[in-house]
C-alpha atoms as a PDB file:
ATOM      1  CA  MET A   1      -3.531 -66.387  99.095  1.00  0.00           C
ATOM      2  CA  ALA A   2      -5.834 -67.167 102.009  1.00  0.00           C
ATOM      3  CA  SER A   3      -4.745 -66.836 105.616  1.00  0.00           C
ATOM      4  CA  ILE A   4      -3.385 -69.954 107.324  1.00  0.00           C
ATOM      5  CA  ASP A   5      -2.813 -71.566 110.707  1.00  0.00           C
ATOM      6  CA  ALA A   6       0.630 -73.144 110.088  1.00  0.00           C
ATOM      7  CA  VAL A   7       3.410 -73.508 107.552  1.00  0.00           C
ATOM      8  CA  LEU A   8       4.930 -76.799 106.408  1.00  0.00           C
ATOM      9  CA  LEU A   9       8.418 -76.664 104.936  1.00  0.00           C
ATOM     10  CA  ASP A  10      10.651 -78.883 102.855  1.00  0.00           C
ATOM     11  CA  ILE A  11      14.393 -78.763 103.651  1.00  0.00           C
ATOM     12  CA  GLU A  12      16.499 -79.782 100.653  1.00  0.00           C
ATOM     13  CA  GLY A  13      16.213 -77.131  97.943  1.00  0.00           C
ATOM     14  CA  THR A  14      13.792 -75.023  99.990  1.00  0.00           C
ATOM     15  CA  LEU A  15      15.102 -73.969 103.401  1.00  0.00           C
ATOM     16  CA  SER A  16      18.604 -75.235 102.679  1.00  0.00           C
ATOM     17  CA  SER A  17      20.797 -75.983  99.708  1.00  0.00           C
ATOM     18  CA  GLN A  18      20.126 -79.125  97.703  1.00  0.00           C
ATOM     19  CA  SER A  19      23.753 -79.167  96.571  1.00  0.00           C
ATOM     20  CA  TYR A  20      24.964 -79.143 100.183  1.00  0.00           C
ATOM     21  CA  VAL A  21      22.938 -82.263 100.911  1.00  0.00           C
ATOM     22  CA  SER A  22      23.985 -84.078  97.729  1.00  0.00           C
ATOM     23  CA  LYS A  23      27.654 -83.048  97.733  1.00  0.00           C
ATOM     24  CA  THR A  24      28.433 -83.030 101.459  1.00  0.00           C
ATOM     25  CA  LEU A  25      25.972 -85.053 103.541  1.00  0.00           C
ATOM     26  CA  PHE A  26      25.366 -87.945 101.135  1.00  0.00           C
ATOM     27  CA  PRO A  27      29.073 -88.631 100.390  1.00  0.00           C
ATOM     28  CA  PHE A  28      29.836 -88.427 104.124  1.00  0.00           C
ATOM     29  CA  SER A  29      27.299 -91.136 104.943  1.00  0.00           C
ATOM     30  CA  ARG A  30      28.227 -93.275 101.940  1.00  0.00           C
ATOM     31  CA  ALA A  31      31.916 -93.402 102.846  1.00  0.00           C
ATOM     32  CA  ARG A  32      31.223 -94.293 106.470  1.00  0.00           C
ATOM     33  CA  LEU A  33      28.218 -96.594 106.169  1.00  0.00           C
ATOM     34  CA  PRO A  34      30.028 -99.980 106.073  1.00  0.00           C
ATOM     35  CA  GLY A  35      32.266 -99.069 109.009  1.00  0.00           C
ATOM     36  CA  TYR A  36      29.366 -97.685 111.018  1.00  0.00           C
ATOM     37  CA  VAL A  37      27.310-100.844 110.547  1.00  0.00           C
ATOM     38  CA  ALA A  38      30.275-103.032 111.525  1.00  0.00           C
ATOM     39  CA  ALA A  39      30.997-100.949 114.624  1.00  0.00           C
ATOM     40  CA  HIS A  40      27.337-101.028 115.745  1.00  0.00           C
ATOM     41  CA  ALA A  41      26.490-104.598 114.809  1.00  0.00           C
ATOM     42  CA  ASP A  42      25.085-105.288 118.296  1.00  0.00           C
ATOM     43  CA  ASP A  43      22.917-102.156 118.413  1.00  0.00           C
ATOM     44  CA  PRO A  44      19.253-103.276 118.241  1.00  0.00           C
ATOM     45  CA  ALA A  45      18.295-100.122 116.319  1.00  0.00           C
ATOM     46  CA  VAL A  46      20.928-100.783 113.649  1.00  0.00           C
ATOM     47  CA  ARG A  47      19.919-104.435 113.405  1.00  0.00           C
ATOM     48  CA  GLN A  48      16.311-103.344 112.865  1.00  0.00           C
ATOM     49  CA  ILE A  49      17.421-100.924 110.131  1.00  0.00           C
ATOM     50  CA  LEU A  50      19.261-103.764 108.384  1.00  0.00           C
ATOM     51  CA  ALA A  51      16.210-106.034 108.682  1.00  0.00           C
ATOM     52  CA  ASP A  52      13.968-103.315 107.237  1.00  0.00           C
ATOM     53  CA  THR A  53      16.474-102.794 104.434  1.00  0.00           C
ATOM     54  CA  ALA A  54      16.556-106.502 103.605  1.00  0.00           C
ATOM     55  CA  ALA A  55      12.765-106.509 103.364  1.00  0.00           C
ATOM     56  CA  LEU A  56      12.862-103.738 100.741  1.00  0.00           C
ATOM     57  CA  ALA A  57      16.032-104.752  98.875  1.00  0.00           C
ATOM     58  CA  GLU A  58      16.331-107.003  95.878  1.00  0.00           C
ATOM     59  CA  HIS A  59      16.152-110.706  96.713  1.00  0.00           C
ATOM     60  CA  GLY A  60      19.420-111.875  98.262  1.00  0.00           C
ATOM     61  CA  GLU A  61      21.033-108.435  98.152  1.00  0.00           C
ATOM     62  CA  ASP A  62      23.340-107.590 101.044  1.00  0.00           C
ATOM     63  CA  PRO A  63      21.648-104.873 103.154  1.00  0.00           C
ATOM     64  CA  VAL A  64      24.774-102.687 103.301  1.00  0.00           C
ATOM     65  CA  ALA A  65      25.163-102.930  99.534  1.00  0.00           C
ATOM     66  CA  ALA A  66      21.498-102.025  99.151  1.00  0.00           C
ATOM     67  CA  LEU A  67      21.878 -98.980 101.389  1.00  0.00           C
ATOM     68  CA  ILE A  68      24.866 -97.756  99.380  1.00  0.00           C
ATOM     69  CA  ARG A  69      22.956 -98.302  96.140  1.00  0.00           C
ATOM     70  CA  TRP A  70      20.030 -96.333  97.532  1.00  0.00           C
ATOM     71  CA  ILE A  71      22.331 -93.414  98.381  1.00  0.00           C
ATOM     72  CA  ASP A  72      23.564 -93.406  94.780  1.00  0.00           C
ATOM     73  CA  GLU A  73      19.958 -93.506  93.536  1.00  0.00           C
ATOM     74  CA  ASP A  74      18.777 -90.881  96.051  1.00  0.00           C
ATOM     75  CA  ARG A  75      16.140 -93.405  97.139  1.00  0.00           C
ATOM     76  CA  LYS A  76      13.610 -92.072  99.624  1.00  0.00           C
ATOM     77  CA  ALA A  77      13.662 -95.184 101.815  1.00  0.00           C
ATOM     78  CA  ALA A  78      12.990 -94.963 105.545  1.00  0.00           C
ATOM     79  CA  PRO A  79      15.785 -97.418 106.598  1.00  0.00           C
ATOM     80  CA  LEU A  80      18.337 -95.429 104.585  1.00  0.00           C
ATOM     81  CA  LYS A  81      17.239 -92.148 106.128  1.00  0.00           C
ATOM     82  CA  ALA A  82      17.439 -93.690 109.596  1.00  0.00           C
ATOM     83  CA  ILE A  83      21.022 -94.948 109.183  1.00  0.00           C
ATOM     84  CA  GLN A  84      22.149 -91.746 107.502  1.00  0.00           C
ATOM     85  CA  GLY A  85      20.843 -89.738 110.441  1.00  0.00           C
ATOM     86  CA  ARG A  86      22.898 -91.825 112.856  1.00  0.00           C
ATOM     87  CA  ILE A  87      26.056 -91.440 110.783  1.00  0.00           C
ATOM     88  CA  TRP A  88      25.532 -87.697 110.489  1.00  0.00           C
ATOM     89  CA  ASP A  89      25.107 -87.516 114.281  1.00  0.00           C
ATOM     90  CA  GLU A  90      28.722 -88.612 114.611  1.00  0.00           C
ATOM     91  CA  GLY A  91      29.818 -86.028 112.057  1.00  0.00           C
ATOM     92  CA  TYR A  92      28.090 -83.226 113.950  1.00  0.00           C
ATOM     93  CA  ALA A  93      29.532 -84.423 117.248  1.00  0.00           C
ATOM     94  CA  THR A  94      33.095 -84.259 115.910  1.00  0.00           C
ATOM     95  CA  GLY A  95      32.603 -80.985 114.041  1.00  0.00           C
ATOM     96  CA  ALA A  96      33.175 -82.668 110.680  1.00  0.00           C
ATOM     97  CA  LEU A  97      29.661 -81.644 109.605  1.00  0.00           C
ATOM     98  CA  HIS A  98      27.483 -78.583 110.026  1.00  0.00           C
ATOM     99  CA  GLY A  99      23.919 -77.825 109.069  1.00  0.00           C
ATOM    100  CA  GLN A 100      23.204 -75.218 106.407  1.00  0.00           C
ATOM    101  CA  ILE A 101      20.402 -72.713 105.814  1.00  0.00           C
ATOM    102  CA  PHE A 102      19.741 -69.930 103.329  1.00  0.00           C
ATOM    103  CA  PRO A 103      19.858 -66.452 104.956  1.00  0.00           C
ATOM    104  CA  ASP A 104      16.335 -65.578 103.787  1.00  0.00           C
ATOM    105  CA  SER A 105      15.038 -68.874 105.233  1.00  0.00           C
ATOM    106  CA  LEU A 106      16.539 -68.053 108.610  1.00  0.00           C
ATOM    107  CA  ALA A 107      15.105 -64.534 108.568  1.00  0.00           C
ATOM    108  CA  ALA A 108      11.633 -65.840 107.667  1.00  0.00           C
ATOM    109  CA  LEU A 109      11.657 -68.493 110.383  1.00  0.00           C
ATOM    110  CA  ARG A 110      12.598 -65.912 112.994  1.00  0.00           C
ATOM    111  CA  ARG A 111       9.931 -63.537 111.692  1.00  0.00           C
ATOM    112  CA  TRP A 112       7.226 -66.206 111.709  1.00  0.00           C
ATOM    113  CA  GLN A 113       8.252 -67.313 115.193  1.00  0.00           C
ATOM    114  CA  ALA A 114       7.950 -63.739 116.457  1.00  0.00           C
ATOM    115  CA  GLU A 115       4.534 -63.456 114.799  1.00  0.00           C
ATOM    116  CA  GLY A 116       3.301 -66.699 116.373  1.00  0.00           C
ATOM    117  CA  MET A 117       3.026 -68.641 113.108  1.00  0.00           C
ATOM    118  CA  PRO A 118       3.643 -72.383 113.767  1.00  0.00           C
ATOM    119  CA  ARG A 119       6.466 -73.844 111.670  1.00  0.00           C
ATOM    120  CA  HIS A 120       6.831 -77.535 110.805  1.00  0.00           C
ATOM    121  CA  ILE A 121       9.144 -79.543 108.565  1.00  0.00           C
ATOM    122  CA  PHE A 122       8.217 -82.391 106.227  1.00  0.00           C
ATOM    123  CA  SER A 123      11.366 -83.976 104.819  1.00  0.00           C
ATOM    124  CA  SER A 124      12.440 -87.386 103.573  1.00  0.00           C
ATOM    125  CA  GLY A 125      15.272 -87.234 106.109  1.00  0.00           C
ATOM    126  CA  SER A 126      14.365 -88.717 109.488  1.00  0.00           C
ATOM    127  CA  ALA A 127      12.973 -86.383 112.142  1.00  0.00           C
ATOM    128  CA  ARG A 128      16.121 -87.086 114.150  1.00  0.00           C
ATOM    129  CA  ALA A 129      18.320 -86.028 111.224  1.00  0.00           C
ATOM    130  CA  GLN A 130      16.236 -82.884 110.676  1.00  0.00           C
ATOM    131  CA  ILE A 131      16.698 -81.788 114.284  1.00  0.00           C
ATOM    132  CA  GLN A 132      20.427 -82.495 114.283  1.00  0.00           C
ATOM    133  CA  PHE A 133      20.895 -80.686 110.960  1.00  0.00           C
ATOM    134  CA  TYR A 134      19.496 -77.438 112.325  1.00  0.00           C
ATOM    135  CA  ARG A 135      20.904 -77.882 115.827  1.00  0.00           C
ATOM    136  CA  ASN A 136      24.418 -77.841 114.367  1.00  0.00           C
ATOM    137  CA  CYS A 137      24.342 -74.908 111.964  1.00  0.00           C
ATOM    138  CA  GLN A 138      27.261 -72.508 111.851  1.00  0.00           C
ATOM    139  CA  GLU A 139      24.728 -69.819 112.821  1.00  0.00           C
ATOM    140  CA  GLY A 140      24.137 -71.737 116.062  1.00  0.00           C
ATOM    141  CA  ASP A 141      21.383 -74.016 117.335  1.00  0.00           C
ATOM    142  CA  LEU A 142      18.381 -73.257 115.104  1.00  0.00           C
ATOM    143  CA  SER A 143      16.345 -76.303 116.117  1.00  0.00           C
ATOM    144  CA  LYS A 144      14.057 -74.230 118.344  1.00  0.00           C
ATOM    145  CA  LEU A 145      12.816 -72.340 115.299  1.00  0.00           C
ATOM    146  CA  PHE A 146      10.647 -75.366 114.466  1.00  0.00           C
ATOM    147  CA  ASP A 147       7.546 -76.588 116.252  1.00  0.00           C
ATOM    148  CA  GLY A 148       7.503 -80.080 114.776  1.00  0.00           C
ATOM    149  CA  HIS A 149       9.036 -82.533 112.340  1.00  0.00           C
ATOM    150  CA  PHE A 150       7.502 -85.050 109.942  1.00  0.00           C
ATOM    151  CA  ASP A 151       9.372 -87.670 107.928  1.00  0.00           C
ATOM    152  CA  LEU A 152       8.597 -90.725 105.807  1.00  0.00           C
ATOM    153  CA  THR A 153       6.976 -92.484 108.752  1.00  0.00           C
ATOM    154  CA  VAL A 154       3.909 -90.333 108.006  1.00  0.00           C
ATOM    155  CA  GLY A 155       3.980 -91.427 104.354  1.00  0.00           C
ATOM    156  CA  PRO A 156       5.717 -90.572 101.053  1.00  0.00           C
ATOM    157  CA  LYS A 157       6.046 -86.913 100.148  1.00  0.00           C
ATOM    158  CA  VAL A 158       4.414 -87.567  96.774  1.00  0.00           C
ATOM    159  CA  GLU A 159       1.183 -88.998  98.234  1.00  0.00           C
ATOM    160  CA  PRO A 160      -1.780 -86.751  99.157  1.00  0.00           C
ATOM    161  CA  ALA A 161      -2.584 -88.982 102.142  1.00  0.00           C
ATOM    162  CA  SER A 162       0.662 -87.904 103.811  1.00  0.00           C
ATOM    163  CA  TYR A 163      -0.417 -84.270 103.866  1.00  0.00           C
ATOM    164  CA  ILE A 164      -3.879 -85.152 105.138  1.00  0.00           C
ATOM    165  CA  ALA A 165      -2.232 -87.140 107.942  1.00  0.00           C
ATOM    166  CA  ILE A 166      -0.009 -84.178 108.831  1.00  0.00           C
ATOM    167  CA  ALA A 167      -2.962 -81.799 108.888  1.00  0.00           C
ATOM    168  CA  ASP A 168      -4.810 -84.228 111.168  1.00  0.00           C
ATOM    169  CA  LYS A 169      -1.838 -84.456 113.529  1.00  0.00           C
ATOM    170  CA  LEU A 170      -1.628 -80.660 113.645  1.00  0.00           C
ATOM    171  CA  ALA A 171      -5.404 -80.347 114.098  1.00  0.00           C
ATOM    172  CA  VAL A 172      -5.385 -77.898 111.192  1.00  0.00           C
ATOM    173  CA  PRO A 173      -7.723 -78.114 108.178  1.00  0.00           C
ATOM    174  CA  PRO A 174      -5.652 -78.816 105.041  1.00  0.00           C
ATOM    175  CA  ALA A 175      -6.854 -75.548 103.507  1.00  0.00           C
ATOM    176  CA  ARG A 176      -5.325 -73.681 106.466  1.00  0.00           C
ATOM    177  CA  LEU A 177      -1.885 -75.241 105.956  1.00  0.00           C
ATOM    178  CA  ARG A 178       0.689 -73.871 103.473  1.00  0.00           C
ATOM    179  CA  PHE A 179       3.458 -76.088 102.112  1.00  0.00           C
ATOM    180  CA  PHE A 180       6.678 -74.687 100.651  1.00  0.00           C
ATOM    181  CA  SER A 181       8.800 -76.951  98.431  1.00  0.00           C
ATOM    182  CA  ASP A 182      10.947 -76.830  95.308  1.00  0.00           C
ATOM    183  CA  ASN A 183       9.625 -80.208  94.103  1.00  0.00           C
ATOM    184  CA  PRO A 184       6.560 -80.151  91.781  1.00  0.00           C
ATOM    185  CA  ARG A 185       5.645 -83.776  92.581  1.00  0.00           C
ATOM    186  CA  GLU A 186       5.396 -82.917  96.265  1.00  0.00           C
ATOM    187  CA  LEU A 187       3.402 -79.771  95.502  1.00  0.00           C
ATOM    188  CA  VAL A 188       0.949 -81.716  93.328  1.00  0.00           C
ATOM    189  CA  ALA A 189       0.378 -84.199  96.157  1.00  0.00           C
ATOM    190  CA  ALA A 190      -0.081 -81.506  98.789  1.00  0.00           C
ATOM    191  CA  GLU A 191      -2.460 -79.534  96.572  1.00  0.00           C
ATOM    192  CA  ALA A 192      -4.507 -82.682  95.904  1.00  0.00           C
ATOM    193  CA  ALA A 193      -4.892 -82.973  99.688  1.00  0.00           C
ATOM    194  CA  GLY A 194      -6.330 -79.446  99.812  1.00  0.00           C
ATOM    195  CA  VAL A 195      -3.170 -77.812 101.165  1.00  0.00           C
ATOM    196  CA  GLN A 196      -2.062 -74.377  99.918  1.00  0.00           C
ATOM    197  CA  VAL A 197       1.256 -74.689  98.061  1.00  0.00           C
ATOM    198  CA  ILE A 198       4.099 -72.428  96.943  1.00  0.00           C
ATOM    199  CA  GLN A 199       7.074 -73.478  94.840  1.00  0.00           C
ATOM    200  CA  VAL A 200      10.407 -72.139  96.109  1.00  0.00           C
ATOM    201  CA  ILE A 201      12.874 -71.507  93.285  1.00  0.00           C
ATOM    202  CA  ARG A 202      16.484 -72.178  94.313  1.00  0.00           C
ATOM    203  CA  GLU A 203      19.724 -73.009  92.518  1.00  0.00           C
ATOM    204  CA  ASP A 204      18.763 -75.045  89.429  1.00  0.00           C
ATOM    205  CA  THR A 205      15.071 -75.487  90.294  1.00  0.00           C
ATOM    206  CA  ALA A 206      12.884 -75.312  87.181  1.00  0.00           C
ATOM    207  CA  PRO A 207       9.859 -73.059  87.713  1.00  0.00           C
ATOM    208  CA  ASP A 208       6.558 -74.873  87.260  1.00  0.00           C
ATOM    209  CA  PRO A 209       3.779 -72.586  85.975  1.00  0.00           C
ATOM    210  CA  ARG A 210       1.125 -74.599  87.813  1.00  0.00           C
ATOM    211  CA  PHE A 211       2.177 -73.057  91.122  1.00  0.00           C
ATOM    212  CA  VAL A 212       2.660 -69.717  92.795  1.00  0.00           C
ATOM    213  CA  GLN A 213       6.437 -69.200  93.014  1.00  0.00           C
ATOM    214  CA  VAL A 214       8.873 -67.295  95.212  1.00  0.00           C
ATOM    215  CA  TYR A 215      12.596 -66.868  94.751  1.00  0.00           C
ATOM    216  CA  SER A 216      13.135 -65.850  98.370  1.00  0.00           C
ATOM    217  CA  PHE A 217      11.173 -66.191 101.581  1.00  0.00           C
ATOM    218  CA  ASP A 218      11.264 -62.396 101.698  1.00  0.00           C
ATOM    219  CA  GLU A 219       8.533 -62.676  99.038  1.00  0.00           C
ATOM    220  CA  ALA A 220       6.424 -65.087 101.103  1.00  0.00           C
ATOM    221  CA  PRO A 221       4.524 -63.296 103.855  1.00  0.00           C
ATOM    222  CA  VAL A 222       2.136 -65.465 105.848  1.00  0.00           C
ATOM    223  CA  TRP A 223      -0.648 -64.432 108.129  1.00  0.00           C
ATOM    224  CA  LYS A 224      -3.399 -65.760 110.375  1.00  0.00           C
ATOM    225  CA  ASP A 225      -6.940 -64.422 110.810  1.00  0.00           C
END
């Protein structure tokens, strides 16, 4: 593949385990969401999240009920990701939660950092949640391994315009950006934007023959001119 100026990385199922997110982080936020909202009812940020939820929810649906339903549906909704990030903050602070990363992902990030390759995340989780996730890994604070974070505020991960917007923000031509993800829908969108793409095969990920694939970041060298 051609040389690049930066890498863009998915989290769930790519850098870190999809099962950890679905079986640990999501249940944690679901169980605590009603109590968190009640305890922070006067917080302007929480009130805004509830208002944004009401605008997206079914007519007349209680916002808390909608948020819980979205967790069960794995809905990629910005208000849900915002409230989840706040709930997870409390879990990290008490030690009830930790971030998680595959060993080969960690080795690659350290290698790319040493080589001067910029490293950015694009995840449906809020930028705040992304930072906290990697700041609280059992391996230590890994947040400094990343140069930037993008979330749904830049656009959906399945829309080419989101990747064009990211490339613009990075001042990098799309063709000089490489996106790693396990999700074919995201890879299709990124490729349509002119971004180089690689599918990362983890856990139960189904290989898609349309894309170059790696089973470990040890197989994914990157380089600049």
